[in-house]
Amino acid sequence: MTDLQESVLTSLTLDLGPLDSYDWLSALKWRDADPENRNIFQNIRSILGKKYKLDFEFSERDITFFEIGETNVLRISFNNGQVYLELKKKVIDYSTKVRLFLTYTTKTKGQSYVDRYRPKKAKASDF
């Protein structure tokens, strides 16, 4: 492997900061980007939805598990995992904050992400 190959960026994650509110009923229902809206999640979700093809996103059931602490990450994937949003719970000074992360990655890493996190659909033969 050459020095050039070792220094190629394969993934870029941006910490977009904490969500302004913890009101999940309104904060996680996305709508078109609105510069007057202070909810970064709604704006970023809308912009990405217009620019990229959606692979999968979290469900209302996932939000319930997130709220009660069964999971600490909510995921939305676009363009075969090459672009994804993650809402992650972080414990800071004994309180839980929810932060938004945006990641851009290569086709190979993106496909691995989709294969790992895409929700599985139940079939009749599973039971």
N, C-alpha and C. Protein backbone atom coordinates (compact mmCIF):
# COMPACT_ATOMS: atom_id res chain seq x y z
N MET A 1 0.85 -1.17 0.00
CA MET A 1 0.00 0.00 0.00
C MET A 1 0.89 1.24 0.00
N THR A 2 0.56 2.19 -0.84
CA THR A 2 1.36 3.41 -0.92
C THR A 2 0.92 4.41 0.14
N ASP A 3 1.77 5.41 0.36
CA ASP A 3 1.43 6.45 1.34
C ASP A 3 0.15 7.18 0.95
N LEU A 4 -0.07 7.35 -0.36
CA LEU A 4 -1.27 8.04 -0.83
C LEU A 4 -2.52 7.25 -0.47
N GLN A 5 -2.50 5.94 -0.65
CA GLN A 5 -3.66 5.11 -0.34
C GLN A 5 -3.98 5.13 1.15
N GLU A 6 -2.97 5.21 1.98
CA GLU A 6 -3.19 5.22 3.42
C GLU A 6 -3.83 6.51 3.90
N SER A 7 -3.70 7.58 3.14
CA SER A 7 -4.20 8.86 3.60
C SER A 7 -5.51 9.29 2.94
N VAL A 8 -6.17 8.38 2.24
CA VAL A 8 -7.44 8.70 1.60
C VAL A 8 -8.56 8.66 2.63
N LEU A 9 -9.34 9.69 2.66
CA LEU A 9 -10.46 9.79 3.59
C LEU A 9 -11.58 8.87 3.10
N THR A 10 -12.03 7.96 3.95
CA THR A 10 -13.10 7.03 3.57
C THR A 10 -14.41 7.31 4.29
N SER A 11 -14.35 8.13 5.33
CA SER A 11 -15.56 8.43 6.08
C SER A 11 -15.39 9.79 6.77
N LEU A 12 -16.46 10.59 6.73
CA LEU A 12 -16.45 11.90 7.38
C LEU A 12 -17.72 12.02 8.21
N THR A 13 -17.57 12.21 9.51
CA THR A 13 -18.72 12.37 10.40
C THR A 13 -18.72 13.78 10.97
N LEU A 14 -19.86 14.44 10.84
CA LEU A 14 -20.04 15.79 11.37
C LEU A 14 -20.97 15.74 12.58
N ASP A 15 -20.52 16.29 13.68
CA ASP A 15 -21.35 16.40 14.87
C ASP A 15 -22.13 17.70 14.71
N LEU A 16 -23.44 17.59 14.47
CA LEU A 16 -24.28 18.76 14.25
C LEU A 16 -24.83 19.33 15.55
N GLY A 17 -24.40 18.77 16.66
CA GLY A 17 -24.76 19.32 17.95
C GLY A 17 -26.02 18.72 18.55
N PRO A 18 -26.39 19.25 19.71
CA PRO A 18 -27.58 18.73 20.39
C PRO A 18 -28.86 19.22 19.71
N LEU A 19 -29.90 18.42 19.87
CA LEU A 19 -31.21 18.87 19.40
C LEU A 19 -31.71 19.93 20.37
N ASP A 20 -32.38 20.93 19.85
CA ASP A 20 -32.84 22.04 20.68
C ASP A 20 -33.89 21.62 21.70
N SER A 21 -34.70 20.66 21.33
CA SER A 21 -35.75 20.26 22.26
C SER A 21 -35.81 18.75 22.34
N TYR A 22 -36.39 18.26 23.39
CA TYR A 22 -36.55 16.83 23.57
C TYR A 22 -38.03 16.47 23.38
N ASP A 23 -38.74 17.27 22.60
CA ASP A 23 -40.15 17.02 22.30
C ASP A 23 -40.21 16.12 21.07
N TRP A 24 -40.20 14.81 21.28
CA TRP A 24 -40.09 13.86 20.16
C TRP A 24 -41.30 13.87 19.25
N LEU A 25 -42.45 14.21 19.76
CA LEU A 25 -43.63 14.21 18.90
C LEU A 25 -43.49 15.22 17.78
N SER A 26 -42.86 16.36 18.05
CA SER A 26 -42.68 17.36 16.99
C SER A 26 -41.28 17.31 16.39
N ALA A 27 -40.27 17.03 17.19
CA ALA A 27 -38.88 17.09 16.70
C ALA A 27 -38.57 16.01 15.67
N LEU A 28 -39.16 14.84 15.79
CA LEU A 28 -38.82 13.74 14.89
C LEU A 28 -39.76 13.60 13.71
N LYS A 29 -40.81 14.39 13.67
CA LYS A 29 -41.68 14.39 12.49
C LYS A 29 -41.12 15.42 11.53
N TRP A 30 -40.50 14.95 10.48
CA TRP A 30 -39.82 15.87 9.58
C TRP A 30 -40.79 16.45 8.56
N ARG A 31 -40.45 17.64 8.12
CA ARG A 31 -41.18 18.31 7.06
C ARG A 31 -40.17 19.13 6.26
N ASP A 32 -40.63 19.84 5.26
CA ASP A 32 -39.72 20.58 4.40
C ASP A 32 -38.86 21.56 5.19
N ALA A 33 -37.63 21.77 4.68
CA ALA A 33 -36.69 22.68 5.33
C ALA A 33 -37.31 24.08 5.42
N ASP A 34 -37.15 24.68 6.56
CA ASP A 34 -37.67 26.01 6.81
C ASP A 34 -36.59 26.80 7.55
N PRO A 35 -36.01 27.83 6.91
CA PRO A 35 -34.94 28.58 7.55
C PRO A 35 -35.34 29.20 8.90
N GLU A 36 -36.63 29.42 9.09
CA GLU A 36 -37.10 29.99 10.34
C GLU A 36 -37.21 28.95 11.44
N ASN A 37 -37.24 27.66 11.05
CA ASN A 37 -37.37 26.59 12.02
C ASN A 37 -36.01 26.34 12.66
N ARG A 38 -35.95 26.30 13.97
CA ARG A 38 -34.69 26.10 14.68
C ARG A 38 -34.36 24.63 14.86
N ASN A 39 -35.24 23.73 14.44
CA ASN A 39 -35.00 22.31 14.63
C ASN A 39 -34.05 21.80 13.55
N ILE A 40 -32.81 21.60 13.90
CA ILE A 40 -31.78 21.16 12.95
C ILE A 40 -32.12 19.80 12.35
N PHE A 41 -32.71 18.91 13.14
CA PHE A 41 -33.06 17.58 12.62
C PHE A 41 -34.04 17.70 11.46
N GLN A 42 -35.11 18.46 11.65
CA GLN A 42 -36.11 18.60 10.60
C GLN A 42 -35.50 19.18 9.33
N ASN A 43 -34.67 20.19 9.47
CA ASN A 43 -34.06 20.83 8.30
C ASN A 43 -33.10 19.90 7.57
N ILE A 44 -32.21 19.24 8.30
CA ILE A 44 -31.25 18.34 7.66
C ILE A 44 -31.97 17.15 7.03
N ARG A 45 -32.94 16.57 7.72
CA ARG A 45 -33.69 15.41 7.19
C ARG A 45 -34.39 15.80 5.88
N SER A 46 -34.97 16.96 5.83
CA SER A 46 -35.66 17.43 4.63
C SER A 46 -34.69 17.64 3.48
N ILE A 47 -33.57 18.28 3.75
CA ILE A 47 -32.57 18.54 2.70
C ILE A 47 -32.01 17.23 2.15
N LEU A 48 -31.64 16.30 3.02
CA LEU A 48 -31.11 15.02 2.57
C LEU A 48 -32.15 14.22 1.80
N GLY A 49 -33.41 14.29 2.25
CA GLY A 49 -34.48 13.57 1.57
C GLY A 49 -34.71 14.04 0.14
N LYS A 50 -34.46 15.31 -0.11
CA LYS A 50 -34.61 15.86 -1.46
C LYS A 50 -33.42 15.52 -2.35
N LYS A 51 -32.26 15.37 -1.75
CA LYS A 51 -31.03 15.19 -2.52
C LYS A 51 -30.67 13.71 -2.74
N TYR A 52 -31.00 12.83 -1.79
CA TYR A 52 -30.58 11.44 -1.84
C TYR A 52 -31.77 10.49 -1.75
N LYS A 53 -31.57 9.27 -2.23
CA LYS A 53 -32.59 8.23 -2.15
C LYS A 53 -32.56 7.58 -0.77
N LEU A 54 -33.71 7.52 -0.12
CA LEU A 54 -33.83 6.95 1.22
C LEU A 54 -33.70 5.44 1.17
N ASP A 55 -32.85 4.88 2.05
CA ASP A 55 -32.73 3.42 2.20
C ASP A 55 -33.67 2.94 3.29
N PHE A 56 -33.56 3.55 4.44
CA PHE A 56 -34.43 3.21 5.57
C PHE A 56 -34.36 4.32 6.61
N GLU A 57 -35.34 4.34 7.48
CA GLU A 57 -35.32 5.27 8.61
C GLU A 57 -36.02 4.63 9.79
N PHE A 58 -35.82 5.20 10.96
CA PHE A 58 -36.40 4.64 12.17
C PHE A 58 -37.92 4.75 12.15
N SER A 59 -38.55 3.88 12.92
CA SER A 59 -40.01 3.85 13.01
C SER A 59 -40.47 4.44 14.34
N GLU A 60 -41.78 4.54 14.49
CA GLU A 60 -42.33 5.01 15.77
C GLU A 60 -41.95 4.04 16.90
N ARG A 61 -41.90 2.76 16.58
CA ARG A 61 -41.51 1.76 17.58
C ARG A 61 -40.05 1.99 18.01
N ASP A 62 -39.19 2.31 17.04
CA ASP A 62 -37.80 2.61 17.37
C ASP A 62 -37.70 3.82 18.30
N ILE A 63 -38.54 4.83 18.06
CA ILE A 63 -38.56 6.02 18.91
C ILE A 63 -38.95 5.64 20.33
N THR A 64 -39.93 4.75 20.47
CA THR A 64 -40.36 4.29 21.79
C THR A 64 -39.19 3.62 22.52
N PHE A 65 -38.48 2.72 21.83
CA PHE A 65 -37.33 2.06 22.45
C PHE A 65 -36.24 3.06 22.81
N PHE A 66 -36.07 4.08 21.98
CA PHE A 66 -35.08 5.14 22.22
C PHE A 66 -35.46 5.93 23.48
N GLU A 67 -36.73 6.27 23.59
CA GLU A 67 -37.20 7.06 24.74
C GLU A 67 -37.03 6.32 26.06
N ILE A 68 -37.28 5.00 26.05
CA ILE A 68 -37.20 4.24 27.31
C ILE A 68 -35.81 3.67 27.57
N GLY A 69 -34.87 3.93 26.67
CA GLY A 69 -33.50 3.52 26.91
C GLY A 69 -33.12 2.14 26.42
N GLU A 70 -33.99 1.50 25.65
CA GLU A 70 -33.66 0.18 25.09
C GLU A 70 -32.60 0.29 23.99
N THR A 71 -32.52 1.43 23.34
CA THR A 71 -31.51 1.69 22.32
C THR A 71 -31.02 3.13 22.49
N ASN A 72 -29.81 3.39 22.07
CA ASN A 72 -29.25 4.73 22.22
C ASN A 72 -29.00 5.43 20.89
N VAL A 73 -29.44 4.80 19.78
CA VAL A 73 -29.20 5.38 18.46
C VAL A 73 -30.43 5.19 17.58
N LEU A 74 -30.80 6.26 16.87
CA LEU A 74 -31.82 6.20 15.82
C LEU A 74 -31.11 6.49 14.51
N ARG A 75 -31.41 5.70 13.45
CA ARG A 75 -30.67 5.82 12.20
C ARG A 75 -31.57 6.09 11.01
N ILE A 76 -31.04 6.91 10.07
CA ILE A 76 -31.67 7.15 8.77
C ILE A 76 -30.55 7.02 7.74
N SER A 77 -30.76 6.20 6.70
CA SER A 77 -29.72 5.95 5.71
C SER A 77 -30.20 6.36 4.32
N PHE A 78 -29.28 6.93 3.54
CA PHE A 78 -29.54 7.36 2.17
C PHE A 78 -28.46 6.81 1.25
N ASN A 79 -28.80 6.66 -0.03
CA ASN A 79 -27.84 6.29 -1.09
C ASN A 79 -26.98 5.08 -0.71
N ASN A 80 -27.64 3.98 -0.40
CA ASN A 80 -26.94 2.74 -0.03
C ASN A 80 -25.92 2.96 1.08
N GLY A 81 -26.30 3.75 2.07
CA GLY A 81 -25.47 3.95 3.25
C GLY A 81 -24.33 4.95 3.09
N GLN A 82 -24.23 5.57 1.93
CA GLN A 82 -23.14 6.53 1.74
C GLN A 82 -23.37 7.82 2.51
N VAL A 83 -24.62 8.10 2.86
CA VAL A 83 -24.97 9.27 3.67
C VAL A 83 -25.94 8.77 4.73
N TYR A 84 -25.65 9.05 6.00
CA TYR A 84 -26.61 8.67 7.03
C TYR A 84 -26.61 9.65 8.20
N LEU A 85 -27.79 9.73 8.80
CA LEU A 85 -28.00 10.54 10.00
C LEU A 85 -28.16 9.60 11.18
N GLU A 86 -27.58 9.98 12.30
CA GLU A 86 -27.78 9.22 13.53
C GLU A 86 -28.08 10.18 14.67
N LEU A 87 -29.10 9.87 15.42
CA LEU A 87 -29.40 10.59 16.65
C LEU A 87 -28.90 9.70 17.77
N LYS A 88 -27.98 10.22 18.59
CA LYS A 88 -27.36 9.41 19.63
C LYS A 88 -27.54 10.07 20.98
N LYS A 89 -27.85 9.22 21.98
CA LYS A 89 -27.92 9.70 23.36
C LYS A 89 -26.52 9.71 23.94
N LYS A 90 -26.18 10.81 24.58
CA LYS A 90 -24.90 10.95 25.26
C LYS A 90 -25.18 11.40 26.69
N VAL A 91 -24.52 10.77 27.64
CA VAL A 91 -24.65 11.19 29.04
C VAL A 91 -23.56 12.21 29.31
N ILE A 92 -23.98 13.43 29.66
CA ILE A 92 -23.06 14.52 29.93
C ILE A 92 -23.44 15.12 31.29
N ASP A 93 -22.51 15.09 32.22
CA ASP A 93 -22.75 15.64 33.57
C ASP A 93 -24.04 15.09 34.18
N TYR A 94 -24.20 13.78 34.12
CA TYR A 94 -25.33 13.07 34.74
C TYR A 94 -26.68 13.35 34.09
N SER A 95 -26.69 13.97 32.93
CA SER A 95 -27.96 14.14 32.21
C SER A 95 -27.77 13.64 30.78
N THR A 96 -28.86 13.22 30.19
CA THR A 96 -28.80 12.66 28.85
C THR A 96 -29.13 13.73 27.82
N LYS A 97 -28.25 13.86 26.85
CA LYS A 97 -28.44 14.81 25.75
C LYS A 97 -28.54 13.99 24.47
N VAL A 98 -29.31 14.48 23.51
CA VAL A 98 -29.42 13.83 22.22
C VAL A 98 -28.70 14.69 21.20
N ARG A 99 -27.73 14.09 20.50
CA ARG A 99 -26.93 14.80 19.50
C ARG A 99 -27.19 14.21 18.13
N LEU A 100 -27.03 15.04 17.12
CA LEU A 100 -27.27 14.65 15.73
C LEU A 100 -25.93 14.55 15.00
N PHE A 101 -25.71 13.44 14.32
CA PHE A 101 -24.49 13.20 13.56
C PHE A 101 -24.83 12.91 12.11
N LEU A 102 -24.08 13.50 11.20
CA LEU A 102 -24.23 13.28 9.76
C LEU A 102 -22.93 12.68 9.26
N THR A 103 -23.04 11.55 8.54
CA THR A 103 -21.84 10.86 8.05
C THR A 103 -21.92 10.67 6.55
N TYR A 104 -20.80 10.94 5.89
CA TYR A 104 -20.60 10.65 4.47
C TYR A 104 -19.52 9.58 4.40
N THR A 105 -19.73 8.55 3.58
CA THR A 105 -18.76 7.47 3.51
C THR A 105 -18.68 6.87 2.10
N THR A 106 -17.77 5.94 1.91
CA THR A 106 -17.58 5.31 0.61
C THR A 106 -18.69 4.30 0.31
N LYS A 107 -18.77 3.86 -0.94
CA LYS A 107 -19.77 2.86 -1.32
C LYS A 107 -19.62 1.58 -0.51
N THR A 108 -18.40 1.11 -0.35
CA THR A 108 -18.15 -0.14 0.37
C THR A 108 -18.57 -0.03 1.83
N LYS A 109 -18.14 1.02 2.50
CA LYS A 109 -18.51 1.21 3.90
C LYS A 109 -20.02 1.47 4.03
N GLY A 110 -20.57 2.19 3.08
CA GLY A 110 -22.00 2.46 3.09
C GLY A 110 -22.82 1.19 2.97
N GLN A 111 -22.43 0.31 2.07
CA GLN A 111 -23.17 -0.95 1.90
C GLN A 111 -23.07 -1.80 3.16
N SER A 112 -21.92 -1.80 3.80
CA SER A 112 -21.76 -2.53 5.07
C SER A 112 -22.71 -1.96 6.13
N TYR A 113 -22.85 -0.63 6.16
CA TYR A 113 -23.75 0.03 7.11
C TYR A 113 -25.20 -0.41 6.86
N VAL A 114 -25.61 -0.40 5.61
CA VAL A 114 -26.98 -0.80 5.26
C VAL A 114 -27.20 -2.26 5.62
N ASP A 115 -26.25 -3.12 5.27
CA ASP A 115 -26.39 -4.55 5.58
C ASP A 115 -26.51 -4.79 7.08
N ARG A 116 -25.81 -4.01 7.85
CA ARG A 116 -25.82 -4.19 9.31
C ARG A 116 -27.07 -3.62 9.98
N TYR A 117 -27.54 -2.46 9.53
CA TYR A 117 -28.59 -1.76 10.27
C TYR A 117 -29.96 -1.71 9.61
N ARG A 118 -30.08 -2.13 8.35
CA ARG A 118 -31.40 -2.10 7.71
C ARG A 118 -32.36 -2.96 8.52
N PRO A 119 -33.53 -2.43 8.85
CA PRO A 119 -34.52 -3.22 9.60
C PRO A 119 -34.94 -4.46 8.81
N LYS A 120 -35.05 -5.56 9.51
CA LYS A 120 -35.45 -6.82 8.90
C LYS A 120 -36.97 -6.90 8.86
N LYS A 121 -37.50 -7.38 7.75
CA LYS A 121 -38.94 -7.56 7.60
C LYS A 121 -39.30 -8.99 7.99
N ALA A 122 -40.29 -9.14 8.83
CA ALA A 122 -40.74 -10.48 9.23
C ALA A 122 -41.54 -11.11 8.09
N LYS A 123 -41.34 -12.42 7.90
CA LYS A 123 -42.09 -13.18 6.89
C LYS A 123 -42.85 -14.27 7.60
N ALA A 124 -43.91 -14.76 6.97
CA ALA A 124 -44.71 -15.83 7.56
C ALA A 124 -43.86 -17.05 7.85
N SER A 125 -42.87 -17.32 7.00
CA SER A 125 -42.02 -18.50 7.20
C SER A 125 -41.11 -18.38 8.43
N ASP A 126 -40.99 -17.18 9.00
CA ASP A 126 -40.17 -17.00 10.19
C ASP A 126 -40.83 -17.58 11.45
N PHE A 127 -42.12 -17.88 11.36
CA PHE A 127 -42.84 -18.31 12.58
C PHE A 127 -43.26 -19.74 12.53
